[in-house]
Amino acid sequence: MAKIKKGDLVQVISGPSQARGGDRGKQGRVKEVLVERNRVIVEGINFVTKHTRVGQTQRGTKTGGLETFESPIHISNVALVDPKTKKPTRVGYRVEKNAEGKTVRVRISKSSGEDL
């Protein structure tokens, strides 16, 4: 079971600091989880610039130039943010029974014990 899911608020916990032009300490929402590559794409984090060749579409408009977009970051370099304290926290699971009596696993933050 994945600890980080799409839509979660995460914080970058490794890499260059913001003073050196990096993203450590920044928070953002997860846009996509790439499970097979153990990577996540976070909104506003790890921007890269891609140069695309100039071309022409059917209508005659020019395409190409510089494109900036978020690049994937390894899942171990981000930590889930606790909703109460707004600080990074570790994640655990608690086994509970739901309304129908089925056993389900619920994500909890380790520091506060609150469900995520």
PDB file of N, CA and C in Angstrom:
ATOM      1  N   MET A   1       0.846  -1.182   0.000  1.00  0.00           N
ATOM      2  CA  MET A   1       0.000   0.000   0.000  1.00  0.00           C
ATOM      3  C   MET A   1       0.889   1.242   0.000  1.00  0.00           C
ATOM      4  N   ALA A   2       0.608   2.165  -0.890  1.00  0.00           N
ATOM      5  CA  ALA A   2       1.429   3.363  -1.035  1.00  0.00           C
ATOM      6  C   ALA A   2       1.199   4.323   0.123  1.00  0.00           C
ATOM      7  N   LYS A   3       2.286   4.910   0.600  1.00  0.00           N
ATOM      8  CA  LYS A   3       2.158   5.868   1.695  1.00  0.00           C
ATOM      9  C   LYS A   3       1.830   7.263   1.184  1.00  0.00           C
ATOM     10  N   ILE A   4       2.224   7.565  -0.036  1.00  0.00           N
ATOM     11  CA  ILE A   4       1.938   8.870  -0.625  1.00  0.00           C
ATOM     12  C   ILE A   4       1.017   8.654  -1.820  1.00  0.00           C
ATOM     13  N   LYS A   5      -0.077   9.428  -1.847  1.00  0.00           N
ATOM     14  CA  LYS A   5      -1.080   9.278  -2.895  1.00  0.00           C
ATOM     15  C   LYS A   5      -1.284  10.605  -3.610  1.00  0.00           C
ATOM     16  N   LYS A   6      -1.951  10.540  -4.748  1.00  0.00           N
ATOM     17  CA  LYS A   6      -2.272  11.734  -5.516  1.00  0.00           C
ATOM     18  C   LYS A   6      -3.127  12.673  -4.669  1.00  0.00           C
ATOM     19  N   GLY A   7      -2.777  13.956  -4.649  1.00  0.00           N
ATOM     20  CA  GLY A   7      -3.535  14.942  -3.892  1.00  0.00           C
ATOM     21  C   GLY A   7      -2.998  15.214  -2.509  1.00  0.00           C
ATOM     22  N   ASP A   8      -2.030  14.412  -2.027  1.00  0.00           N
ATOM     23  CA  ASP A   8      -1.447  14.627  -0.702  1.00  0.00           C
ATOM     24  C   ASP A   8      -0.551  15.860  -0.706  1.00  0.00           C
ATOM     25  N   LEU A   9      -0.469  16.523   0.437  1.00  0.00           N
ATOM     26  CA  LEU A   9       0.452  17.643   0.623  1.00  0.00           C
ATOM     27  C   LEU A   9       1.764  17.069   1.132  1.00  0.00           C
ATOM     28  N   VAL A  10       2.866  17.318   0.409  1.00  0.00           N
ATOM     29  CA  VAL A  10       4.171  16.780   0.778  1.00  0.00           C
ATOM     30  C   VAL A  10       5.190  17.910   0.859  1.00  0.00           C
ATOM     31  N   GLN A  11       6.305  17.617   1.532  1.00  0.00           N
ATOM     32  CA  GLN A  11       7.408  18.570   1.647  1.00  0.00           C
ATOM     33  C   GLN A  11       8.688  17.890   1.198  1.00  0.00           C
ATOM     34  N   VAL A  12       9.519  18.615   0.447  1.00  0.00           N
ATOM     35  CA  VAL A  12      10.802  18.081  -0.003  1.00  0.00           C
ATOM     36  C   VAL A  12      11.756  18.107   1.182  1.00  0.00           C
ATOM     37  N   ILE A  13      12.384  16.947   1.478  1.00  0.00           N
ATOM     38  CA  ILE A  13      13.233  16.855   2.664  1.00  0.00           C
ATOM     39  C   ILE A  13      14.706  16.672   2.333  1.00  0.00           C
ATOM     40  N   SER A  14      15.065  16.587   1.043  1.00  0.00           N
ATOM     41  CA  SER A  14      16.474  16.436   0.700  1.00  0.00           C
ATOM     42  C   SER A  14      16.780  17.199  -0.572  1.00  0.00           C
ATOM     43  N   GLY A  15      18.067  17.364  -0.848  1.00  0.00           N
ATOM     44  CA  GLY A  15      18.509  18.113  -2.017  1.00  0.00           C
ATOM     45  C   GLY A  15      19.028  19.474  -1.605  1.00  0.00           C
ATOM     46  N   PRO A  16      19.382  20.305  -2.577  1.00  0.00           N
ATOM     47  CA  PRO A  16      19.913  21.632  -2.268  1.00  0.00           C
ATOM     48  C   PRO A  16      18.870  22.508  -1.579  1.00  0.00           C
ATOM     49  N   SER A  17      19.329  23.359  -0.672  1.00  0.00           N
ATOM     50  CA  SER A  17      18.420  24.260   0.037  1.00  0.00           C
ATOM     51  C   SER A  17      17.934  25.356  -0.907  1.00  0.00           C
ATOM     52  N   GLN A  18      16.929  26.092  -0.475  1.00  0.00           N
ATOM     53  CA  GLN A  18      16.372  27.157  -1.305  1.00  0.00           C
ATOM     54  C   GLN A  18      17.383  28.279  -1.506  1.00  0.00           C
ATOM     55  N   ALA A  19      18.280  28.482  -0.536  1.00  0.00           N
ATOM     56  CA  ALA A  19      19.303  29.509  -0.656  1.00  0.00           C
ATOM     57  C   ALA A  19      20.269  29.195  -1.800  1.00  0.00           C
ATOM     58  N   ARG A  20      20.429  27.912  -2.106  1.00  0.00           N
ATOM     59  CA  ARG A  20      21.326  27.501  -3.197  1.00  0.00           C
ATOM     60  C   ARG A  20      20.568  27.176  -4.476  1.00  0.00           C
ATOM     61  N   GLY A  21      19.315  27.576  -4.544  1.00  0.00           N
ATOM     62  CA  GLY A  21      18.543  27.380  -5.765  1.00  0.00           C
ATOM     63  C   GLY A  21      17.804  26.056  -5.836  1.00  0.00           C
ATOM     64  N   GLY A  22      17.729  25.319  -4.734  1.00  0.00           N
ATOM     65  CA  GLY A  22      17.051  24.028  -4.714  1.00  0.00           C
ATOM     66  C   GLY A  22      15.626  24.134  -4.222  1.00  0.00           C
ATOM     67  N   ASP A  23      15.036  22.972  -3.927  1.00  0.00           N
ATOM     68  CA  ASP A  23      13.630  22.921  -3.522  1.00  0.00           C
ATOM     69  C   ASP A  23      13.432  22.409  -2.099  1.00  0.00           C
ATOM     70  N   ARG A  24      14.519  22.139  -1.346  1.00  0.00           N
ATOM     71  CA  ARG A  24      14.346  21.578  -0.004  1.00  0.00           C
ATOM     72  C   ARG A  24      13.553  22.541   0.877  1.00  0.00           C
ATOM     73  N   GLY A  25      12.550  21.995   1.569  1.00  0.00           N
ATOM     74  CA  GLY A  25      11.702  22.801   2.444  1.00  0.00           C
ATOM     75  C   GLY A  25      10.419  23.271   1.791  1.00  0.00           C
ATOM     76  N   LYS A  26      10.316  23.177   0.477  1.00  0.00           N
ATOM     77  CA  LYS A  26       9.088  23.611  -0.211  1.00  0.00           C
ATOM     78  C   LYS A  26       8.008  22.551  -0.064  1.00  0.00           C
ATOM     79  N   GLN A  27       6.755  23.012  -0.042  1.00  0.00           N
ATOM     80  CA  GLN A  27       5.614  22.116   0.050  1.00  0.00           C
ATOM     81  C   GLN A  27       4.765  22.237  -1.203  1.00  0.00           C
ATOM     82  N   GLY A  28       4.113  21.134  -1.578  1.00  0.00           N
ATOM     83  CA  GLY A  28       3.243  21.142  -2.744  1.00  0.00           C
ATOM     84  C   GLY A  28       2.367  19.912  -2.768  1.00  0.00           C
ATOM     85  N   ARG A  29       1.347  19.934  -3.621  1.00  0.00           N
ATOM     86  CA  ARG A  29       0.430  18.808  -3.774  1.00  0.00           C
ATOM     87  C   ARG A  29       0.977  17.830  -4.810  1.00  0.00           C
ATOM     88  N   VAL A  30       0.734  16.541  -4.576  1.00  0.00           N
ATOM     89  CA  VAL A  30       1.171  15.498  -5.503  1.00  0.00           C
ATOM     90  C   VAL A  30       0.218  15.477  -6.690  1.00  0.00           C
ATOM     91  N   LYS A  31       0.769  15.660  -7.905  1.00  0.00           N
ATOM     92  CA  LYS A  31      -0.037  15.621  -9.121  1.00  0.00           C
ATOM     93  C   LYS A  31      -0.172  14.205  -9.647  1.00  0.00           C
ATOM     94  N   GLU A  32       0.909  13.413  -9.502  1.00  0.00           N
ATOM     95  CA  GLU A  32       0.909  12.066 -10.059  1.00  0.00           C
ATOM     96  C   GLU A  32       1.920  11.218  -9.308  1.00  0.00           C
ATOM     97  N   VAL A  33       1.602   9.934  -9.141  1.00  0.00           N
ATOM     98  CA  VAL A  33       2.513   8.974  -8.524  1.00  0.00           C
ATOM     99  C   VAL A  33       2.899   7.954  -9.581  1.00  0.00           C
ATOM    100  N   LEU A  34       4.207   7.840  -9.850  1.00  0.00           N
ATOM    101  CA  LEU A  34       4.725   6.861 -10.808  1.00  0.00           C
ATOM    102  C   LEU A  34       5.208   5.658 -10.013  1.00  0.00           C
ATOM    103  N   VAL A  35       4.312   4.697  -9.791  1.00  0.00           N
ATOM    104  CA  VAL A  35       4.561   3.587  -8.873  1.00  0.00           C
ATOM    105  C   VAL A  35       5.719   2.712  -9.338  1.00  0.00           C
ATOM    106  N   GLU A  36       5.759   2.387 -10.630  1.00  0.00           N
ATOM    107  CA  GLU A  36       6.788   1.467 -11.114  1.00  0.00           C
ATOM    108  C   GLU A  36       8.187   2.080 -11.050  1.00  0.00           C
ATOM    109  N   ARG A  37       8.291   3.414 -11.036  1.00  0.00           N
ATOM    110  CA  ARG A  37       9.595   4.080 -10.969  1.00  0.00           C
ATOM    111  C   ARG A  37       9.883   4.678  -9.592  1.00  0.00           C
ATOM    112  N   ASN A  38       8.960   4.512  -8.626  1.00  0.00           N
ATOM    113  CA  ASN A  38       9.101   5.062  -7.267  1.00  0.00           C
ATOM    114  C   ASN A  38       9.331   6.573  -7.282  1.00  0.00           C
ATOM    115  N   ARG A  39       8.563   7.274  -8.085  1.00  0.00           N
ATOM    116  CA  ARG A  39       8.708   8.717  -8.198  1.00  0.00           C
ATOM    117  C   ARG A  39       7.347   9.403  -8.113  1.00  0.00           C
ATOM    118  N   VAL A  40       7.377  10.681  -7.734  1.00  0.00           N
ATOM    119  CA  VAL A  40       6.163  11.486  -7.676  1.00  0.00           C
ATOM    120  C   VAL A  40       6.404  12.794  -8.411  1.00  0.00           C
ATOM    121  N   ILE A  41       5.330  13.354  -8.971  1.00  0.00           N
ATOM    122  CA  ILE A  41       5.387  14.674  -9.583  1.00  0.00           C
ATOM    123  C   ILE A  41       4.629  15.607  -8.646  1.00  0.00           C
ATOM    124  N   VAL A  42       5.338  16.633  -8.150  1.00  0.00           N
ATOM    125  CA  VAL A  42       4.772  17.551  -7.166  1.00  0.00           C
ATOM    126  C   VAL A  42       4.592  18.920  -7.812  1.00  0.00           C
ATOM    127  N   GLU A  43       3.429  19.527  -7.537  1.00  0.00           N
ATOM    128  CA  GLU A  43       3.081  20.829  -8.082  1.00  0.00           C
ATOM    129  C   GLU A  43       4.074  21.896  -7.621  1.00  0.00           C
ATOM    130  N   GLY A  44       4.727  22.577  -8.561  1.00  0.00           N
ATOM    131  CA  GLY A  44       5.618  23.684  -8.229  1.00  0.00           C
ATOM    132  C   GLY A  44       7.005  23.280  -7.771  1.00  0.00           C
ATOM    133  N   ILE A  45       7.347  21.993  -7.852  1.00  0.00           N
ATOM    134  CA  ILE A  45       8.643  21.501  -7.378  1.00  0.00           C
ATOM    135  C   ILE A  45       9.402  20.886  -8.547  1.00  0.00           C
ATOM    136  N   ASN A  46      10.730  21.076  -8.558  1.00  0.00           N
ATOM    137  CA  ASN A  46      11.641  20.433  -9.513  1.00  0.00           C
ATOM    138  C   ASN A  46      11.317  20.813 -10.959  1.00  0.00           C
ATOM    139  N   PHE A  47      11.241  22.129 -11.218  1.00  0.00           N
ATOM    140  CA  PHE A  47      10.994  22.606 -12.577  1.00  0.00           C
ATOM    141  C   PHE A  47      12.226  22.380 -13.442  1.00  0.00           C
ATOM    142  N   VAL A  48      12.003  21.905 -14.662  1.00  0.00           N
ATOM    143  CA  VAL A  48      13.071  21.748 -15.648  1.00  0.00           C
ATOM    144  C   VAL A  48      12.648  22.472 -16.924  1.00  0.00           C
ATOM    145  N   THR A  49      13.644  22.887 -17.709  1.00  0.00           N
ATOM    146  CA  THR A  49      13.388  23.565 -18.967  1.00  0.00           C
ATOM    147  C   THR A  49      13.734  22.624 -20.100  1.00  0.00           C
ATOM    148  N   LYS A  50      12.826  22.496 -21.042  1.00  0.00           N
ATOM    149  CA  LYS A  50      13.040  21.623 -22.195  1.00  0.00           C
ATOM    150  C   LYS A  50      12.995  22.478 -23.461  1.00  0.00           C
ATOM    151  N   HIS A  51      13.988  22.298 -24.306  1.00  0.00           N
ATOM    152  CA  HIS A  51      14.031  22.997 -25.583  1.00  0.00           C
ATOM    153  C   HIS A  51      13.349  22.119 -26.627  1.00  0.00           C
ATOM    154  N   THR A  52      12.320  22.649 -27.267  1.00  0.00           N
ATOM    155  CA  THR A  52      11.627  21.878 -28.300  1.00  0.00           C
ATOM    156  C   THR A  52      11.871  22.523 -29.656  1.00  0.00           C
ATOM    157  N   ARG A  53      12.036  21.685 -30.649  1.00  0.00           N
ATOM    158  CA  ARG A  53      12.340  22.159 -31.997  1.00  0.00           C
ATOM    159  C   ARG A  53      11.149  22.926 -32.570  1.00  0.00           C
ATOM    160  N   VAL A  54      11.458  23.977 -33.299  1.00  0.00           N
ATOM    161  CA  VAL A  54      10.414  24.782 -33.923  1.00  0.00           C
ATOM    162  C   VAL A  54       9.825  24.005 -35.102  1.00  0.00           C
ATOM    163  N   GLY A  55       8.509  23.928 -35.121  1.00  0.00           N
ATOM    164  CA  GLY A  55       7.811  23.232 -36.195  1.00  0.00           C
ATOM    165  C   GLY A  55       6.584  24.015 -36.601  1.00  0.00           C
ATOM    166  N   GLN A  56       5.794  23.426 -37.484  1.00  0.00           N
ATOM    167  CA  GLN A  56       4.575  24.080 -37.923  1.00  0.00           C
ATOM    168  C   GLN A  56       3.419  23.099 -37.840  1.00  0.00           C
ATOM    169  N   THR A  57       2.276  23.581 -37.349  1.00  0.00           N
ATOM    170  CA  THR A  57       1.076  22.743 -37.297  1.00  0.00           C
ATOM    171  C   THR A  57       0.350  22.834 -38.631  1.00  0.00           C
ATOM    172  N   GLN A  58      -0.769  22.122 -38.760  1.00  0.00           N
ATOM    173  CA  GLN A  58      -1.559  22.124 -39.991  1.00  0.00           C
ATOM    174  C   GLN A  58      -2.071  23.524 -40.325  1.00  0.00           C
ATOM    175  N   ARG A  59      -2.375  24.306 -39.295  1.00  0.00           N
ATOM    176  CA  ARG A  59      -2.930  25.647 -39.504  1.00  0.00           C
ATOM    177  C   ARG A  59      -1.848  26.666 -39.853  1.00  0.00           C
ATOM    178  N   GLY A  60      -0.585  26.301 -39.668  1.00  0.00           N
ATOM    179  CA  GLY A  60       0.498  27.214 -40.001  1.00  0.00           C
ATOM    180  C   GLY A  60       1.065  27.954 -38.806  1.00  0.00           C
ATOM    181  N   THR A  61       0.597  27.644 -37.599  1.00  0.00           N
ATOM    182  CA  THR A  61       1.142  28.313 -36.420  1.00  0.00           C
ATOM    183  C   THR A  61       2.471  27.660 -36.029  1.00  0.00           C
ATOM    184  N   LYS A  62       3.345  28.473 -35.487  1.00  0.00           N
ATOM    185  CA  LYS A  62       4.660  27.986 -35.087  1.00  0.00           C
ATOM    186  C   LYS A  62       4.576  27.341 -33.712  1.00  0.00           C
ATOM    187  N   THR A  63       5.298  26.231 -33.544  1.00  0.00           N
ATOM    188  CA  THR A  63       5.389  25.578 -32.249  1.00  0.00           C
ATOM    189  C   THR A  63       6.863  25.486 -31.881  1.00  0.00           C
ATOM    190  N   GLY A  64       7.121  25.210 -30.617  1.00  0.00           N
ATOM    191  CA  GLY A  64       8.506  25.039 -30.193  1.00  0.00           C
ATOM    192  C   GLY A  64       8.951  26.161 -29.290  1.00  0.00           C
ATOM    193  N   GLY A  65      10.203  26.078 -28.873  1.00  0.00           N
ATOM    194  CA  GLY A  65      10.761  27.065 -27.972  1.00  0.00           C
ATOM    195  C   GLY A  65      11.095  26.432 -26.643  1.00  0.00           C
ATOM    196  N   LEU A  66      11.002  27.213 -25.566  1.00  0.00           N
ATOM    197  CA  LEU A  66      11.320  26.732 -24.231  1.00  0.00           C
ATOM    198  C   LEU A  66      10.044  26.325 -23.507  1.00  0.00           C
ATOM    199  N   GLU A  67      10.063  25.138 -22.930  1.00  0.00           N
ATOM    200  CA  GLU A  67       8.938  24.618 -22.149  1.00  0.00           C
ATOM    201  C   GLU A  67       9.437  24.356 -20.743  1.00  0.00           C
ATOM    202  N   THR A  68       8.712  24.790 -19.725  1.00  0.00           N
ATOM    203  CA  THR A  68       9.062  24.439 -18.348  1.00  0.00           C
ATOM    204  C   THR A  68       7.953  23.589 -17.770  1.00  0.00           C
ATOM    205  N   PHE A  69       8.333  22.533 -17.059  1.00  0.00           N
ATOM    206  CA  PHE A  69       7.364  21.646 -16.444  1.00  0.00           C
ATOM    207  C   PHE A  69       8.006  20.954 -15.256  1.00  0.00           C
ATOM    208  N   GLU A  70       7.148  20.352 -14.408  1.00  0.00           N
ATOM    209  CA  GLU A  70       7.634  19.656 -13.222  1.00  0.00           C
ATOM    210  C   GLU A  70       8.188  18.294 -13.614  1.00  0.00           C
ATOM    211  N   SER A  71       9.357  17.987 -13.106  1.00  0.00           N
ATOM    212  CA  SER A  71       9.994  16.707 -13.362  1.00  0.00           C
ATOM    213  C   SER A  71       9.750  15.793 -12.158  1.00  0.00           C
ATOM    214  N   PRO A  72       9.737  14.465 -12.353  1.00  0.00           N
ATOM    215  CA  PRO A  72       9.532  13.562 -11.216  1.00  0.00           C
ATOM    216  C   PRO A  72      10.671  13.645 -10.200  1.00  0.00           C
ATOM    217  N   ILE A  73      10.338  13.429  -8.944  1.00  0.00           N
ATOM    218  CA  ILE A  73      11.303  13.414  -7.850  1.00  0.00           C
ATOM    219  C   ILE A  73      11.128  12.078  -7.130  1.00  0.00           C
ATOM    220  N   HIS A  74      12.212  11.522  -6.610  1.00  0.00           N
ATOM    221  CA  HIS A  74      12.124  10.211  -5.962  1.00  0.00           C
ATOM    222  C   HIS A  74      11.251  10.305  -4.716  1.00  0.00           C
ATOM    223  N   ILE A  75      10.489   9.263  -4.479  1.00  0.00           N
ATOM    224  CA  ILE A  75       9.506   9.251  -3.386  1.00  0.00           C
ATOM    225  C   ILE A  75      10.170   9.331  -2.010  1.00  0.00           C
ATOM    226  N   SER A  76      11.443   8.907  -1.914  1.00  0.00           N
ATOM    227  CA  SER A  76      12.144   8.961  -0.628  1.00  0.00           C
ATOM    228  C   SER A  76      12.588  10.379  -0.290  1.00  0.00           C
ATOM    229  N   ASN A  77      12.540  11.298  -1.244  1.00  0.00           N
ATOM    230  CA  ASN A  77      12.966  12.667  -1.011  1.00  0.00           C
ATOM    231  C   ASN A  77      11.836  13.586  -0.586  1.00  0.00           C
ATOM    232  N   VAL A  78      10.626  13.036  -0.421  1.00  0.00           N
ATOM    233  CA  VAL A  78       9.493  13.829   0.050  1.00  0.00           C
ATOM    234  C   VAL A  78       8.886  13.166   1.281  1.00  0.00           C
ATOM    235  N   ALA A  79       8.287  13.986   2.135  1.00  0.00           N
ATOM    236  CA  ALA A  79       7.612  13.480   3.332  1.00  0.00           C
ATOM    237  C   ALA A  79       6.217  14.076   3.379  1.00  0.00           C
ATOM    238  N   LEU A  80       5.266  13.271   3.829  1.00  0.00           N
ATOM    239  CA  LEU A  80       3.893  13.719   3.971  1.00  0.00           C
ATOM    240  C   LEU A  80       3.809  14.794   5.056  1.00  0.00           C
ATOM    241  N   VAL A  81       2.956  15.800   4.842  1.00  0.00           N
ATOM    242  CA  VAL A  81       2.805  16.899   5.799  1.00  0.00           C
ATOM    243  C   VAL A  81       1.624  16.611   6.709  1.00  0.00           C
ATOM    244  N   ASP A  82       1.858  16.735   8.029  1.00  0.00           N
ATOM    245  CA  ASP A  82       0.806  16.538   9.023  1.00  0.00           C
ATOM    246  C   ASP A  82      -0.200  17.680   8.908  1.00  0.00           C
ATOM    247  N   PRO A  83      -1.501  17.390   8.774  1.00  0.00           N
ATOM    248  CA  PRO A  83      -2.485  18.462   8.598  1.00  0.00           C
ATOM    249  C   PRO A  83      -2.602  19.405   9.797  1.00  0.00           C
ATOM    250  N   LYS A  84      -2.309  18.918  11.007  1.00  0.00           N
ATOM    251  CA  LYS A  84      -2.401  19.777  12.197  1.00  0.00           C
ATOM    252  C   LYS A  84      -1.237  20.752  12.292  1.00  0.00           C
ATOM    253  N   THR A  85      -0.017  20.207  12.270  1.00  0.00           N
ATOM    254  CA  THR A  85       1.171  21.018  12.537  1.00  0.00           C
ATOM    255  C   THR A  85       1.783  21.627  11.280  1.00  0.00           C
ATOM    256  N   LYS A  86       1.383  21.181  10.093  1.00  0.00           N
ATOM    257  CA  LYS A  86       1.928  21.634   8.811  1.00  0.00           C
ATOM    258  C   LYS A  86       3.427  21.364   8.708  1.00  0.00           C
ATOM    259  N   LYS A  87       3.890  20.303   9.382  1.00  0.00           N
ATOM    260  CA  LYS A  87       5.292  19.905   9.317  1.00  0.00           C
ATOM    261  C   LYS A  87       5.379  18.493   8.761  1.00  0.00           C
ATOM    262  N   PRO A  88       6.544  18.118   8.182  1.00  0.00           N
ATOM    263  CA  PRO A  88       6.676  16.763   7.642  1.00  0.00           C
ATOM    264  C   PRO A  88       6.604  15.717   8.738  1.00  0.00           C
ATOM    265  N   THR A  89       6.007  14.580   8.433  1.00  0.00           N
ATOM    266  CA  THR A  89       5.826  13.525   9.417  1.00  0.00           C
ATOM    267  C   THR A  89       5.957  12.172   8.755  1.00  0.00           C
ATOM    268  N   ARG A  90       6.204  11.157   9.563  1.00  0.00           N
ATOM    269  CA  ARG A  90       6.222   9.792   9.061  1.00  0.00           C
ATOM    270  C   ARG A  90       4.795   9.252   9.058  1.00  0.00           C
ATOM    271  N   VAL A  91       4.580   8.197   8.273  1.00  0.00           N
ATOM    272  CA  VAL A  91       3.232   7.671   8.101  1.00  0.00           C
ATOM    273  C   VAL A  91       3.182   6.219   8.537  1.00  0.00           C
ATOM    274  N   GLY A  92       2.107   5.866   9.221  1.00  0.00           N
ATOM    275  CA  GLY A  92       1.880   4.486   9.614  1.00  0.00           C
ATOM    276  C   GLY A  92       0.464   4.087   9.249  1.00  0.00           C
ATOM    277  N   TYR A  93       0.093   2.880   9.626  1.00  0.00           N
ATOM    278  CA  TYR A  93      -1.251   2.374   9.337  1.00  0.00           C
ATOM    279  C   TYR A  93      -1.883   1.843  10.601  1.00  0.00           C
ATOM    280  N   ARG A  94      -3.191   1.975  10.669  1.00  0.00           N
ATOM    281  CA  ARG A  94      -3.961   1.415  11.768  1.00  0.00           C
ATOM    282  C   ARG A  94      -5.061   0.568  11.141  1.00  0.00           C
ATOM    283  N   VAL A  95      -5.268  -0.634  11.679  1.00  0.00           N
ATOM    284  CA  VAL A  95      -6.300  -1.533  11.165  1.00  0.00           C
ATOM    285  C   VAL A  95      -7.582  -1.276  11.937  1.00  0.00           C
ATOM    286  N   GLU A  96      -8.650  -0.959  11.200  1.00  0.00           N
ATOM    287  CA  GLU A  96      -9.945  -0.665  11.816  1.00  0.00           C
ATOM    288  C   GLU A  96     -11.040  -1.421  11.075  1.00  0.00           C
ATOM    289  N   LYS A  97     -12.224  -1.431  11.664  1.00  0.00           N
ATOM    290  CA  LYS A  97     -13.397  -1.989  11.003  1.00  0.00           C
ATOM    291  C   LYS A  97     -14.283  -0.830  10.568  1.00  0.00           C
ATOM    292  N   ASN A  98     -14.778  -0.905   9.321  1.00  0.00           N
ATOM    293  CA  ASN A  98     -15.645   0.164   8.829  1.00  0.00           C
ATOM    294  C   ASN A  98     -17.103  -0.141   9.172  1.00  0.00           C
ATOM    295  N   ALA A  99     -18.043   0.621   8.614  1.00  0.00           N
ATOM    296  CA  ALA A  99     -19.455   0.500   8.949  1.00  0.00           C
ATOM    297  C   ALA A  99     -20.034  -0.869   8.594  1.00  0.00           C
ATOM    298  N   GLU A 100     -19.536  -1.489   7.511  1.00  0.00           N
ATOM    299  CA  GLU A 100     -20.046  -2.803   7.115  1.00  0.00           C
ATOM    300  C   GLU A 100     -19.364  -3.938   7.863  1.00  0.00           C
ATOM    301  N   GLY A 101     -18.396  -3.632   8.703  1.00  0.00           N
ATOM    302  CA  GLY A 101     -17.702  -4.670   9.449  1.00  0.00           C
ATOM    303  C   GLY A 101     -16.465  -5.207   8.753  1.00  0.00           C
ATOM    304  N   LYS A 102     -16.112  -4.634   7.594  1.00  0.00           N
ATOM    305  CA  LYS A 102     -14.912  -5.063   6.876  1.00  0.00           C
ATOM    306  C   LYS A 102     -13.682  -4.439   7.518  1.00  0.00           C
ATOM    307  N   THR A 103     -12.575  -5.171   7.473  1.00  0.00           N
ATOM    308  CA  THR A 103     -11.320  -4.668   8.013  1.00  0.00           C
ATOM    309  C   THR A 103     -10.637  -3.810   6.957  1.00  0.00           C
ATOM    310  N   VAL A 104     -10.258  -2.587   7.349  1.00  0.00           N
ATOM    311  CA  VAL A 104      -9.592  -1.663   6.432  1.00  0.00           C
ATOM    312  C   VAL A 104      -8.353  -1.088   7.104  1.00  0.00           C
ATOM    313  N   ARG A 105      -7.367  -0.680   6.279  1.00  0.00           N
ATOM    314  CA  ARG A 105      -6.182  -0.010   6.798  1.00  0.00           C
ATOM    315  C   ARG A 105      -6.338   1.484   6.601  1.00  0.00           C
ATOM    316  N   VAL A 106      -6.041   2.262   7.632  1.00  0.00           N
ATOM    317  CA  VAL A 106      -6.183   3.705   7.601  1.00  0.00           C
ATOM    318  C   VAL A 106      -4.808   4.323   7.821  1.00  0.00           C
ATOM    319  N   ARG A 107      -4.427   5.300   6.973  1.00  0.00           N
ATOM    320  CA  ARG A 107      -3.155   5.987   7.149  1.00  0.00           C
ATOM    321  C   ARG A 107      -3.238   6.932   8.331  1.00  0.00           C
ATOM    322  N   ILE A 108      -2.204   6.936   9.165  1.00  0.00           N
ATOM    323  CA  ILE A 108      -2.126   7.876  10.282  1.00  0.00           C
ATOM    324  C   ILE A 108      -0.749   8.499  10.282  1.00  0.00           C
ATOM    325  N   SER A 109      -0.665   9.742  10.781  1.00  0.00           N
ATOM    326  CA  SER A 109       0.648  10.374  10.921  1.00  0.00           C
ATOM    327  C   SER A 109       1.236   9.949  12.259  1.00  0.00           C
ATOM    328  N   LYS A 110       2.528   9.662  12.275  1.00  0.00           N
ATOM    329  CA  LYS A 110       3.177   9.111  13.458  1.00  0.00           C
ATOM    330  C   LYS A 110       3.230  10.113  14.607  1.00  0.00           C
ATOM    331  N   SER A 111       3.401  11.401  14.318  1.00  0.00           N
ATOM    332  CA  SER A 111       3.594  12.369  15.388  1.00  0.00           C
ATOM    333  C   SER A 111       2.317  12.664  16.153  1.00  0.00           C
ATOM    334  N   SER A 112       1.181  12.867  15.419  1.00  0.00           N
ATOM    335  CA  SER A 112      -0.037  13.283  16.095  1.00  0.00           C
ATOM    336  C   SER A 112      -1.044  12.153  16.247  1.00  0.00           C
ATOM    337  N   GLY A 113      -0.900  11.076  15.476  1.00  0.00           N
ATOM    338  CA  GLY A 113      -1.848   9.977  15.533  1.00  0.00           C
ATOM    339  C   GLY A 113      -3.152  10.269  14.823  1.00  0.00           C
ATOM    340  N   GLU A 114      -3.195  11.364  14.062  1.00  0.00           N
ATOM    341  CA  GLU A 114      -4.408  11.763  13.352  1.00  0.00           C
ATOM    342  C   GLU A 114      -4.514  11.039  12.019  1.00  0.00           C
ATOM    343  N   ASP A 115      -5.750  10.685  11.627  1.00  0.00           N
ATOM    344  CA  ASP A 115      -5.967  10.049  10.325  1.00  0.00           C
ATOM    345  C   ASP A 115      -5.687  11.059   9.218  1.00  0.00           C
ATOM    346  N   LEU A 116      -5.103  10.551   8.135  1.00  0.00           N
ATOM    347  CA  LEU A 116      -4.811  11.408   6.981  1.00  0.00           C
ATOM    348  C   LEU A 116      -5.811  11.187   5.882  1.00  0.00           C
TER     349      LEU A 116
END
